[in-house]
Amino acid sequence: MFQQGEASVCIDEKTSIQARRPLHETKPAIAEHPVHVASRYKRMGALQLFCALIVANGITFARTFARKRFAEFKTFLLSFFSSAIVKGFKVIDLILDNGSTHAPKQLGKWIASLNLSFNVRIYWLPTYASWLDQVEIIFSKVTRDVLTPNDFNDKKELSQMLMGYFDELNRHPKPIKWTYTKTKLVAKFAPKSVQMAA
């Protein structure tokens, strides 16, 4: 689909990412001693990370906000739709969960009112299935690579570190290789009688 001017884009938020200033300096690992992270810290506020992942090529688009409402989501989408990342696409398939931030009852009408140069189709993930959204894998990497340990003097420093991380990811984008199959899904969730018949 990517080659035909269509792109599947997973979008979600990683909420309440705290900037924490440790009361004692984090000590690096040395021979036979692991990293020492102070157990006491001062909270310096929190950010909301909005991220879009183009499934076919692994390119990401991310922004941080102070709050997580439909207003911020619209601002994020406007930035994404006007970015160079989507240049040349004829159709963008948005894959979203049903969270209130995405305003499922309002989003389609709002996007239609934008008169974009490309079509946008919205696909809603089933309730309790947000784990199927591939951008969650990116959030897991962010937690490991940027937020551990969580040593930031303020929200500005945290935001700069996050945006720098996404800039680096986009220098060498890699699509996520999805290995979970329909067979595995059916085996896990189908009633025992259906599994026996198969």
N, C-alpha and C. Protein backbone atom coordinates (compact mmCIF):
# COMPACT_ATOMS: atom_id res chain seq x y z
N MET A 1 0.82 -1.20 0.00
CA MET A 1 0.00 0.00 0.00
C MET A 1 0.86 1.26 0.00
N PHE A 2 2.02 1.20 0.68
CA PHE A 2 2.88 2.36 0.78
C PHE A 2 3.35 2.83 -0.59
N GLN A 3 3.65 1.88 -1.48
CA GLN A 3 4.14 2.23 -2.81
C GLN A 3 3.04 2.85 -3.68
N GLN A 4 1.78 2.60 -3.36
CA GLN A 4 0.67 3.11 -4.16
C GLN A 4 0.18 4.48 -3.67
N GLY A 5 0.96 5.15 -2.88
CA GLY A 5 0.56 6.47 -2.37
C GLY A 5 -0.34 6.39 -1.16
N GLU A 6 -0.42 5.21 -0.55
CA GLU A 6 -1.21 5.04 0.67
C GLU A 6 -0.28 4.74 1.83
N ALA A 7 -0.66 5.21 3.00
CA ALA A 7 0.15 4.93 4.19
C ALA A 7 -0.75 4.58 5.35
N SER A 8 -0.40 3.51 6.06
CA SER A 8 -1.06 3.17 7.32
C SER A 8 -0.26 3.84 8.43
N VAL A 9 -0.96 4.60 9.27
CA VAL A 9 -0.29 5.38 10.31
C VAL A 9 -0.92 5.07 11.66
N CYS A 10 -0.13 4.54 12.58
CA CYS A 10 -0.58 4.28 13.95
C CYS A 10 -0.29 5.52 14.79
N ILE A 11 -1.30 5.99 15.51
CA ILE A 11 -1.13 7.18 16.35
C ILE A 11 -1.65 6.89 17.75
N ASP A 12 -0.90 7.35 18.74
CA ASP A 12 -1.35 7.24 20.13
C ASP A 12 -0.54 8.20 20.99
N GLU A 13 -0.83 8.17 22.28
CA GLU A 13 -0.14 9.04 23.23
C GLU A 13 0.49 8.21 24.33
N LYS A 14 1.63 8.67 24.79
CA LYS A 14 2.23 8.14 26.03
C LYS A 14 2.04 9.26 27.04
N THR A 15 1.23 9.00 28.04
CA THR A 15 0.78 10.08 28.92
C THR A 15 1.60 10.19 30.20
N SER A 16 1.53 11.38 30.77
CA SER A 16 2.11 11.68 32.08
C SER A 16 3.55 11.20 32.24
N ILE A 17 4.40 11.60 31.30
CA ILE A 17 5.82 11.29 31.41
C ILE A 17 6.43 12.33 32.35
N GLN A 18 6.86 11.89 33.51
CA GLN A 18 7.36 12.82 34.52
C GLN A 18 8.82 13.20 34.28
N ALA A 19 9.09 14.47 34.49
CA ALA A 19 10.48 14.94 34.57
C ALA A 19 10.83 14.90 36.05
N ARG A 20 11.83 14.12 36.38
CA ARG A 20 12.22 13.99 37.79
C ARG A 20 13.68 14.37 37.96
N ARG A 21 13.93 15.27 38.89
CA ARG A 21 15.31 15.66 39.21
C ARG A 21 15.74 14.87 40.44
N PRO A 22 16.74 14.00 40.30
CA PRO A 22 17.17 13.21 41.46
C PRO A 22 17.81 14.12 42.52
N LEU A 23 17.59 13.78 43.77
CA LEU A 23 18.19 14.56 44.86
C LEU A 23 19.67 14.26 45.00
N HIS A 24 20.10 13.10 44.48
CA HIS A 24 21.51 12.73 44.47
C HIS A 24 21.85 12.28 43.06
N GLU A 25 23.05 12.58 42.64
CA GLU A 25 23.48 12.27 41.27
C GLU A 25 23.45 10.76 40.99
N THR A 26 22.98 10.40 39.78
CA THR A 26 23.02 9.01 39.34
C THR A 26 24.47 8.63 39.10
N LYS A 27 24.88 7.51 39.67
CA LYS A 27 26.28 7.07 39.53
C LYS A 27 26.35 5.97 38.47
N PRO A 28 27.27 6.13 37.50
CA PRO A 28 27.38 5.12 36.44
C PRO A 28 27.88 3.78 36.97
N ALA A 29 27.61 2.75 36.20
CA ALA A 29 28.08 1.41 36.57
C ALA A 29 29.60 1.36 36.52
N ILE A 30 30.16 0.64 37.46
CA ILE A 30 31.61 0.37 37.46
C ILE A 30 31.77 -1.14 37.67
N ALA A 31 32.96 -1.63 37.55
CA ALA A 31 33.20 -3.07 37.68
C ALA A 31 32.53 -3.62 38.94
N GLU A 32 31.71 -4.62 38.74
CA GLU A 32 31.00 -5.34 39.80
C GLU A 32 29.97 -4.51 40.56
N HIS A 33 29.60 -3.34 40.03
CA HIS A 33 28.56 -2.52 40.66
C HIS A 33 27.65 -1.95 39.57
N PRO A 34 26.34 -2.15 39.71
CA PRO A 34 25.41 -1.62 38.70
C PRO A 34 25.24 -0.11 38.82
N VAL A 35 24.53 0.47 37.90
CA VAL A 35 24.19 1.90 37.97
C VAL A 35 23.45 2.14 39.28
N HIS A 36 23.77 3.24 39.94
CA HIS A 36 23.07 3.59 41.17
C HIS A 36 22.19 4.81 40.89
N VAL A 37 20.88 4.59 40.99
CA VAL A 37 19.91 5.66 40.76
C VAL A 37 19.33 6.06 42.11
N ALA A 38 19.33 7.35 42.39
CA ALA A 38 18.80 7.84 43.66
C ALA A 38 17.32 7.48 43.77
N SER A 39 16.92 7.08 44.96
CA SER A 39 15.52 6.71 45.17
C SER A 39 14.65 7.92 45.49
N ARG A 40 15.27 9.04 45.78
CA ARG A 40 14.51 10.26 46.08
C ARG A 40 14.73 11.28 44.98
N TYR A 41 13.66 11.95 44.63
CA TYR A 41 13.72 12.91 43.53
C TYR A 41 12.69 14.00 43.73
N LYS A 42 12.84 15.07 42.97
CA LYS A 42 11.86 16.16 42.98
C LYS A 42 11.10 16.11 41.66
N ARG A 43 9.79 16.13 41.74
CA ARG A 43 8.97 16.12 40.53
C ARG A 43 9.00 17.50 39.88
N MET A 44 9.28 17.51 38.59
CA MET A 44 9.41 18.78 37.86
C MET A 44 8.30 18.97 36.83
N GLY A 45 7.23 18.20 36.94
CA GLY A 45 6.11 18.31 36.01
C GLY A 45 6.06 17.11 35.08
N ALA A 46 5.03 17.09 34.25
CA ALA A 46 4.84 15.95 33.34
C ALA A 46 4.47 16.43 31.95
N LEU A 47 4.80 15.61 30.96
CA LEU A 47 4.48 15.88 29.56
C LEU A 47 3.65 14.74 28.99
N GLN A 48 2.94 15.05 27.91
CA GLN A 48 2.20 14.06 27.15
C GLN A 48 2.90 13.94 25.79
N LEU A 49 3.25 12.73 25.40
CA LEU A 49 3.93 12.50 24.13
C LEU A 49 2.93 11.95 23.12
N PHE A 50 2.74 12.66 22.02
CA PHE A 50 1.90 12.20 20.92
C PHE A 50 2.83 11.72 19.82
N CYS A 51 2.53 10.56 19.24
CA CYS A 51 3.42 10.00 18.22
C CYS A 51 2.63 9.32 17.11
N ALA A 52 3.09 9.53 15.88
CA ALA A 52 2.55 8.84 14.70
C ALA A 52 3.67 7.98 14.13
N LEU A 53 3.33 6.76 13.76
CA LEU A 53 4.28 5.83 13.16
C LEU A 53 3.77 5.41 11.79
N ILE A 54 4.54 5.69 10.74
CA ILE A 54 4.19 5.20 9.41
C ILE A 54 4.66 3.75 9.37
N VAL A 55 3.70 2.85 9.30
CA VAL A 55 3.97 1.42 9.48
C VAL A 55 4.94 0.88 8.44
N ALA A 56 4.79 1.26 7.18
CA ALA A 56 5.57 0.65 6.10
C ALA A 56 7.06 0.98 6.15
N ASN A 57 7.41 2.18 6.64
CA ASN A 57 8.83 2.55 6.61
C ASN A 57 9.45 2.85 7.98
N GLY A 58 8.64 2.87 9.03
CA GLY A 58 9.18 3.08 10.37
C GLY A 58 9.44 4.53 10.74
N ILE A 59 9.08 5.47 9.87
CA ILE A 59 9.28 6.89 10.18
C ILE A 59 8.26 7.33 11.23
N THR A 60 8.74 8.12 12.19
CA THR A 60 7.87 8.61 13.27
C THR A 60 7.73 10.12 13.19
N PHE A 61 6.64 10.61 13.79
CA PHE A 61 6.40 12.04 13.93
C PHE A 61 5.91 12.21 15.36
N ALA A 62 6.61 13.01 16.16
CA ALA A 62 6.27 13.13 17.57
C ALA A 62 6.27 14.59 18.02
N ARG A 63 5.44 14.87 19.00
CA ARG A 63 5.36 16.18 19.63
C ARG A 63 4.99 15.98 21.10
N THR A 64 5.43 16.90 21.95
CA THR A 64 5.04 16.86 23.36
C THR A 64 4.09 18.01 23.65
N PHE A 65 3.20 17.77 24.59
CA PHE A 65 2.21 18.76 25.01
C PHE A 65 2.09 18.72 26.53
N ALA A 66 1.61 19.83 27.08
CA ALA A 66 1.40 19.89 28.53
C ALA A 66 0.16 19.10 28.94
N ARG A 67 -0.83 19.04 28.03
CA ARG A 67 -2.08 18.36 28.35
C ARG A 67 -2.43 17.35 27.28
N LYS A 68 -3.43 16.51 27.57
CA LYS A 68 -3.84 15.46 26.64
C LYS A 68 -5.36 15.53 26.46
N ARG A 69 -5.78 16.38 25.53
CA ARG A 69 -7.20 16.54 25.23
C ARG A 69 -7.38 16.48 23.72
N PHE A 70 -8.62 16.53 23.27
CA PHE A 70 -8.88 16.54 21.83
C PHE A 70 -8.25 17.78 21.19
N ALA A 71 -8.18 18.89 21.91
CA ALA A 71 -7.57 20.11 21.37
C ALA A 71 -6.10 19.87 21.01
N GLU A 72 -5.35 19.21 21.89
CA GLU A 72 -3.95 18.90 21.60
C GLU A 72 -3.84 17.87 20.48
N PHE A 73 -4.76 16.91 20.45
CA PHE A 73 -4.74 15.90 19.40
C PHE A 73 -4.97 16.55 18.03
N LYS A 74 -5.89 17.50 17.96
CA LYS A 74 -6.12 18.22 16.70
C LYS A 74 -4.87 18.99 16.28
N THR A 75 -4.23 19.66 17.23
CA THR A 75 -3.00 20.39 16.93
C THR A 75 -1.93 19.44 16.41
N PHE A 76 -1.81 18.28 17.04
CA PHE A 76 -0.84 17.27 16.60
C PHE A 76 -1.16 16.82 15.17
N LEU A 77 -2.42 16.50 14.90
CA LEU A 77 -2.80 16.04 13.56
C LEU A 77 -2.55 17.11 12.51
N LEU A 78 -2.85 18.37 12.83
CA LEU A 78 -2.59 19.46 11.87
C LEU A 78 -1.11 19.53 11.54
N SER A 79 -0.26 19.41 12.55
CA SER A 79 1.20 19.42 12.32
C SER A 79 1.61 18.23 11.47
N PHE A 80 1.07 17.06 11.78
CA PHE A 80 1.40 15.84 11.04
C PHE A 80 0.95 15.96 9.59
N PHE A 81 -0.29 16.39 9.38
CA PHE A 81 -0.83 16.49 8.02
C PHE A 81 -0.07 17.51 7.17
N SER A 82 0.52 18.52 7.79
CA SER A 82 1.25 19.54 7.03
C SER A 82 2.75 19.26 6.96
N SER A 83 3.20 18.16 7.55
CA SER A 83 4.63 17.85 7.56
C SER A 83 5.08 17.23 6.24
N ALA A 84 6.39 17.28 6.01
CA ALA A 84 6.98 16.69 4.80
C ALA A 84 6.82 15.18 4.80
N ILE A 85 6.60 14.59 5.96
CA ILE A 85 6.47 13.14 6.07
C ILE A 85 5.32 12.61 5.21
N VAL A 86 4.23 13.36 5.11
CA VAL A 86 3.06 12.87 4.37
C VAL A 86 3.01 13.37 2.93
N LYS A 87 4.02 14.12 2.52
CA LYS A 87 4.04 14.66 1.16
C LYS A 87 3.98 13.52 0.14
N GLY A 88 3.09 13.64 -0.81
CA GLY A 88 2.97 12.65 -1.88
C GLY A 88 1.96 11.55 -1.61
N PHE A 89 1.44 11.46 -0.39
CA PHE A 89 0.43 10.44 -0.12
C PHE A 89 -0.92 10.87 -0.67
N LYS A 90 -1.65 9.91 -1.19
CA LYS A 90 -3.02 10.16 -1.67
C LYS A 90 -4.04 9.74 -0.63
N VAL A 91 -3.67 8.73 0.17
CA VAL A 91 -4.57 8.20 1.21
C VAL A 91 -3.75 7.92 2.46
N ILE A 92 -4.26 8.37 3.60
CA ILE A 92 -3.64 8.05 4.89
C ILE A 92 -4.68 7.30 5.71
N ASP A 93 -4.32 6.09 6.12
CA ASP A 93 -5.18 5.28 6.98
C ASP A 93 -4.72 5.46 8.41
N LEU A 94 -5.53 6.14 9.22
CA LEU A 94 -5.20 6.35 10.63
C LEU A 94 -5.70 5.17 11.44
N ILE A 95 -4.83 4.61 12.26
CA ILE A 95 -5.20 3.50 13.15
C ILE A 95 -5.14 4.05 14.57
N LEU A 96 -6.29 4.06 15.23
CA LEU A 96 -6.42 4.70 16.54
C LEU A 96 -7.17 3.81 17.52
N ASP A 97 -6.92 4.02 18.82
CA ASP A 97 -7.77 3.38 19.81
C ASP A 97 -8.96 4.29 20.07
N ASN A 98 -9.91 3.82 20.86
CA ASN A 98 -11.14 4.56 21.11
C ASN A 98 -11.04 5.52 22.30
N GLY A 99 -9.84 5.92 22.67
CA GLY A 99 -9.67 6.81 23.81
C GLY A 99 -10.35 8.15 23.61
N SER A 100 -10.73 8.77 24.71
CA SER A 100 -11.47 10.04 24.64
C SER A 100 -10.65 11.15 23.99
N THR A 101 -9.34 11.08 24.07
CA THR A 101 -8.49 12.08 23.43
C THR A 101 -8.74 12.13 21.93
N HIS A 102 -9.05 10.99 21.33
CA HIS A 102 -9.25 10.90 19.88
C HIS A 102 -10.67 11.28 19.47
N ALA A 103 -11.55 11.52 20.43
CA ALA A 103 -12.93 11.95 20.19
C ALA A 103 -13.57 11.21 19.02
N PRO A 104 -13.81 9.90 19.17
CA PRO A 104 -14.32 9.10 18.06
C PRO A 104 -15.56 9.66 17.38
N LYS A 105 -16.44 10.34 18.11
CA LYS A 105 -17.67 10.86 17.50
C LYS A 105 -17.43 12.15 16.71
N GLN A 106 -16.34 12.85 16.98
CA GLN A 106 -16.08 14.14 16.34
C GLN A 106 -14.98 14.11 15.29
N LEU A 107 -14.06 13.17 15.40
CA LEU A 107 -12.83 13.21 14.61
C LEU A 107 -13.09 13.19 13.10
N GLY A 108 -13.94 12.29 12.64
CA GLY A 108 -14.19 12.18 11.20
C GLY A 108 -14.71 13.48 10.60
N LYS A 109 -15.67 14.10 11.27
CA LYS A 109 -16.24 15.37 10.78
C LYS A 109 -15.18 16.46 10.78
N TRP A 110 -14.38 16.50 11.83
CA TRP A 110 -13.34 17.53 11.91
C TRP A 110 -12.33 17.36 10.78
N ILE A 111 -11.87 16.14 10.53
CA ILE A 111 -10.90 15.91 9.46
C ILE A 111 -11.51 16.27 8.11
N ALA A 112 -12.78 15.92 7.89
CA ALA A 112 -13.45 16.26 6.63
C ALA A 112 -13.50 17.77 6.42
N SER A 113 -13.62 18.53 7.50
CA SER A 113 -13.71 19.99 7.39
C SER A 113 -12.38 20.64 7.00
N LEU A 114 -11.28 19.88 7.05
CA LEU A 114 -9.96 20.44 6.75
C LEU A 114 -9.69 20.60 5.26
N ASN A 115 -10.46 19.91 4.42
CA ASN A 115 -10.25 19.95 2.96
C ASN A 115 -8.79 19.66 2.60
N LEU A 116 -8.30 18.53 3.06
CA LEU A 116 -6.91 18.14 2.81
C LEU A 116 -6.72 17.71 1.36
N SER A 117 -5.48 17.71 0.90
CA SER A 117 -5.18 17.32 -0.48
C SER A 117 -5.10 15.80 -0.63
N PHE A 118 -5.33 15.07 0.44
CA PHE A 118 -5.33 13.61 0.43
C PHE A 118 -6.52 13.13 1.25
N ASN A 119 -6.90 11.89 1.05
CA ASN A 119 -8.00 11.30 1.81
C ASN A 119 -7.47 10.71 3.11
N VAL A 120 -8.29 10.80 4.14
CA VAL A 120 -7.95 10.20 5.43
C VAL A 120 -9.07 9.22 5.79
N ARG A 121 -8.68 7.98 6.01
CA ARG A 121 -9.62 6.96 6.48
C ARG A 121 -9.23 6.62 7.91
N ILE A 122 -10.23 6.45 8.76
CA ILE A 122 -9.98 6.16 10.17
C ILE A 122 -10.39 4.74 10.48
N TYR A 123 -9.49 4.00 11.13
CA TYR A 123 -9.77 2.64 11.57
C TYR A 123 -9.60 2.60 13.09
N TRP A 124 -10.68 2.23 13.76
CA TRP A 124 -10.67 2.18 15.22
C TRP A 124 -10.32 0.78 15.70
N LEU A 125 -9.37 0.68 16.58
CA LEU A 125 -9.04 -0.61 17.19
C LEU A 125 -10.17 -1.03 18.12
N PRO A 126 -10.39 -2.33 18.27
CA PRO A 126 -11.43 -2.78 19.20
C PRO A 126 -11.10 -2.34 20.63
N THR A 127 -12.13 -2.21 21.43
CA THR A 127 -11.95 -1.87 22.84
C THR A 127 -11.03 -2.90 23.49
N TYR A 128 -10.14 -2.43 24.33
CA TYR A 128 -9.15 -3.25 25.04
C TYR A 128 -8.12 -3.88 24.11
N ALA A 129 -7.96 -3.34 22.92
CA ALA A 129 -6.98 -3.91 21.98
C ALA A 129 -5.95 -2.88 21.55
N SER A 130 -5.72 -1.86 22.38
CA SER A 130 -4.75 -0.83 21.99
C SER A 130 -3.34 -1.41 21.88
N TRP A 131 -3.11 -2.58 22.46
CA TRP A 131 -1.80 -3.23 22.36
C TRP A 131 -1.49 -3.63 20.91
N LEU A 132 -2.51 -3.67 20.05
CA LEU A 132 -2.30 -3.98 18.64
C LEU A 132 -1.70 -2.79 17.87
N ASP A 133 -1.75 -1.62 18.47
CA ASP A 133 -1.23 -0.41 17.83
C ASP A 133 0.30 -0.46 17.86
N GLN A 134 0.93 -0.49 16.69
CA GLN A 134 2.39 -0.65 16.63
C GLN A 134 3.15 0.50 17.27
N VAL A 135 2.54 1.67 17.40
CA VAL A 135 3.25 2.78 18.04
C VAL A 135 3.53 2.46 19.51
N GLU A 136 2.79 1.52 20.10
CA GLU A 136 3.06 1.10 21.48
C GLU A 136 4.46 0.49 21.59
N ILE A 137 4.94 -0.14 20.53
CA ILE A 137 6.29 -0.70 20.52
C ILE A 137 7.32 0.43 20.58
N ILE A 138 7.03 1.52 19.87
CA ILE A 138 7.91 2.71 19.92
C ILE A 138 7.92 3.27 21.34
N PHE A 139 6.76 3.34 21.98
CA PHE A 139 6.71 3.85 23.36
C PHE A 139 7.53 2.97 24.31
N SER A 140 7.52 1.68 24.09
CA SER A 140 8.32 0.78 24.91
C SER A 140 9.81 1.09 24.74
N LYS A 141 10.22 1.35 23.49
CA LYS A 141 11.62 1.71 23.24
C LYS A 141 11.96 3.04 23.90
N VAL A 142 11.04 4.01 23.85
CA VAL A 142 11.27 5.31 24.48
C VAL A 142 11.50 5.12 25.98
N THR A 143 10.69 4.28 26.61
CA THR A 143 10.84 4.03 28.04
C THR A 143 12.23 3.48 28.35
N ARG A 144 12.66 2.50 27.57
CA ARG A 144 13.97 1.88 27.82
C ARG A 144 15.14 2.80 27.47
N ASP A 145 15.04 3.48 26.32
CA ASP A 145 16.18 4.23 25.79
C ASP A 145 16.31 5.65 26.32
N VAL A 146 15.18 6.28 26.68
CA VAL A 146 15.22 7.69 27.07
C VAL A 146 14.86 7.90 28.54
N LEU A 147 13.88 7.16 29.01
CA LEU A 147 13.32 7.45 30.34
C LEU A 147 13.91 6.60 31.46
N THR A 148 14.94 5.81 31.16
CA THR A 148 15.57 4.99 32.19
C THR A 148 17.06 5.29 32.23
N PRO A 149 17.60 5.91 33.27
CA PRO A 149 16.88 6.47 34.40
C PRO A 149 16.22 7.80 34.02
N ASN A 150 15.25 8.18 34.81
CA ASN A 150 14.49 9.40 34.54
C ASN A 150 15.14 10.57 35.28
N ASP A 151 16.22 11.10 34.72
CA ASP A 151 16.95 12.22 35.32
C ASP A 151 16.81 13.45 34.41
N PHE A 152 15.86 14.31 34.71
CA PHE A 152 15.66 15.52 33.92
C PHE A 152 15.43 16.69 34.85
N ASN A 153 16.06 17.82 34.54
CA ASN A 153 15.94 18.99 35.40
C ASN A 153 14.59 19.67 35.29
N ASP A 154 13.96 19.56 34.11
CA ASP A 154 12.66 20.20 33.92
C ASP A 154 11.98 19.61 32.68
N LYS A 155 10.76 20.07 32.42
CA LYS A 155 9.99 19.54 31.28
C LYS A 155 10.63 19.91 29.95
N LYS A 156 11.28 21.07 29.89
CA LYS A 156 11.93 21.48 28.64
C LYS A 156 13.05 20.50 28.28
N GLU A 157 13.87 20.15 29.26
CA GLU A 157 14.95 19.20 29.03
C GLU A 157 14.40 17.83 28.61
N LEU A 158 13.32 17.40 29.26
CA LEU A 158 12.68 16.13 28.91
C LEU A 158 12.17 16.17 27.47
N SER A 159 11.50 17.25 27.10
CA SER A 159 10.98 17.38 25.74
C SER A 159 12.10 17.37 24.71
N GLN A 160 13.18 18.10 24.99
CA GLN A 160 14.31 18.14 24.05
C GLN A 160 14.93 16.75 23.88
N MET A 161 15.04 16.01 24.97
CA MET A 161 15.60 14.66 24.90
C MET A 161 14.69 13.75 24.07
N LEU A 162 13.39 13.84 24.28
CA LEU A 162 12.45 13.02 23.51
C LEU A 162 12.50 13.35 22.03
N MET A 163 12.49 14.65 21.70
CA MET A 163 12.50 15.05 20.28
C MET A 163 13.83 14.66 19.62
N GLY A 164 14.93 14.76 20.36
CA GLY A 164 16.22 14.33 19.84
C GLY A 164 16.23 12.83 19.56
N TYR A 165 15.58 12.08 20.42
CA TYR A 165 15.49 10.63 20.23
C TYR A 165 14.73 10.31 18.94
N PHE A 166 13.62 10.99 18.71
CA PHE A 166 12.84 10.73 17.50
C PHE A 166 13.58 11.20 16.25
N ASP A 167 14.34 12.29 16.35
CA ASP A 167 15.18 12.71 15.21
C ASP A 167 16.17 11.60 14.86
N GLU A 168 16.78 11.01 15.88
CA GLU A 168 17.75 9.92 15.65
C GLU A 168 17.06 8.68 15.07
N LEU A 169 15.89 8.34 15.59
CA LEU A 169 15.14 7.20 15.04
C LEU A 169 14.87 7.39 13.55
N ASN A 170 14.53 8.62 13.17
CA ASN A 170 14.18 8.89 11.78
C ASN A 170 15.40 8.96 10.86
N ARG A 171 16.60 9.06 11.42
CA ARG A 171 17.80 9.00 10.58
C ARG A 171 18.01 7.59 10.03
N HIS A 172 17.57 6.60 10.77
CA HIS A 172 17.72 5.20 10.37
C HIS A 172 16.41 4.46 10.65
N PRO A 173 15.32 4.84 9.97
CA PRO A 173 14.02 4.22 10.29
C PRO A 173 13.98 2.75 9.89
N LYS A 174 13.31 1.97 10.72
CA LYS A 174 13.13 0.54 10.44
C LYS A 174 11.67 0.19 10.70
N PRO A 175 11.01 -0.41 9.72
CA PRO A 175 9.64 -0.86 10.00
C PRO A 175 9.65 -1.97 11.04
N ILE A 176 8.59 -2.02 11.82
CA ILE A 176 8.47 -3.06 12.84
C ILE A 176 8.02 -4.34 12.14
N LYS A 177 8.71 -5.42 12.42
CA LYS A 177 8.33 -6.71 11.84
C LYS A 177 7.35 -7.38 12.79
N TRP A 178 6.10 -7.38 12.40
CA TRP A 178 5.02 -7.92 13.21
C TRP A 178 5.03 -9.43 13.10
N THR A 179 5.21 -10.14 14.19
CA THR A 179 5.31 -11.60 14.14
C THR A 179 4.08 -12.29 14.72
N TYR A 180 3.18 -11.53 15.30
CA TYR A 180 1.98 -12.12 15.89
C TYR A 180 1.01 -12.45 14.77
N THR A 181 0.56 -13.70 14.69
CA THR A 181 -0.28 -14.14 13.57
C THR A 181 -1.72 -14.37 14.01
N LYS A 182 -2.60 -14.47 13.02
CA LYS A 182 -4.00 -14.78 13.29
C LYS A 182 -4.12 -16.13 13.99
N THR A 183 -3.30 -17.08 13.57
CA THR A 183 -3.32 -18.41 14.19
C THR A 183 -3.03 -18.33 15.68
N LYS A 184 -2.03 -17.52 16.06
CA LYS A 184 -1.70 -17.35 17.47
C LYS A 184 -2.84 -16.67 18.23
N LEU A 185 -3.47 -15.69 17.58
CA LEU A 185 -4.58 -14.97 18.21
C LEU A 185 -5.75 -15.90 18.47
N VAL A 186 -6.12 -16.69 17.46
CA VAL A 186 -7.23 -17.63 17.61
C VAL A 186 -6.90 -18.66 18.68
N ALA A 187 -5.67 -19.15 18.68
CA ALA A 187 -5.27 -20.14 19.68
C ALA A 187 -5.38 -19.59 21.10
N LYS A 188 -5.14 -18.31 21.25
CA LYS A 188 -5.17 -17.71 22.58
C LYS A 188 -6.59 -17.39 23.05
N PHE A 189 -7.46 -16.91 22.13
CA PHE A 189 -8.75 -16.39 22.56
C PHE A 189 -9.97 -17.19 22.14
N ALA A 190 -9.86 -18.07 21.19
CA ALA A 190 -11.02 -18.83 20.74
C ALA A 190 -11.46 -19.82 21.81
N PRO A 191 -12.77 -20.07 21.88
CA PRO A 191 -13.25 -21.09 22.83
C PRO A 191 -12.59 -22.44 22.53
N LYS A 192 -12.44 -23.24 23.55
CA LYS A 192 -11.77 -24.54 23.41
C LYS A 192 -12.41 -25.40 22.33
N SER A 193 -13.75 -25.36 22.18
CA SER A 193 -14.42 -26.19 21.18
C SER A 193 -14.01 -25.79 19.76
N VAL A 194 -13.80 -24.49 19.52
CA VAL A 194 -13.37 -24.03 18.19
C VAL A 194 -11.94 -24.48 17.93
N GLN A 195 -11.09 -24.40 18.95
CA GLN A 195 -9.70 -24.83 18.79
C GLN A 195 -9.62 -26.32 18.48
N MET A 196 -10.47 -27.12 19.12
CA MET A 196 -10.46 -28.56 18.88
C MET A 196 -10.88 -28.87 17.45
N ALA A 197 -11.88 -28.13 16.93
CA ALA A 197 -12.39 -28.37 15.58
C ALA A 197 -11.35 -27.99 14.53
N ALA A 198 -10.52 -26.99 14.83
CA ALA A 198 -9.52 -26.53 13.86
C ALA A 198 -8.39 -27.46 13.81
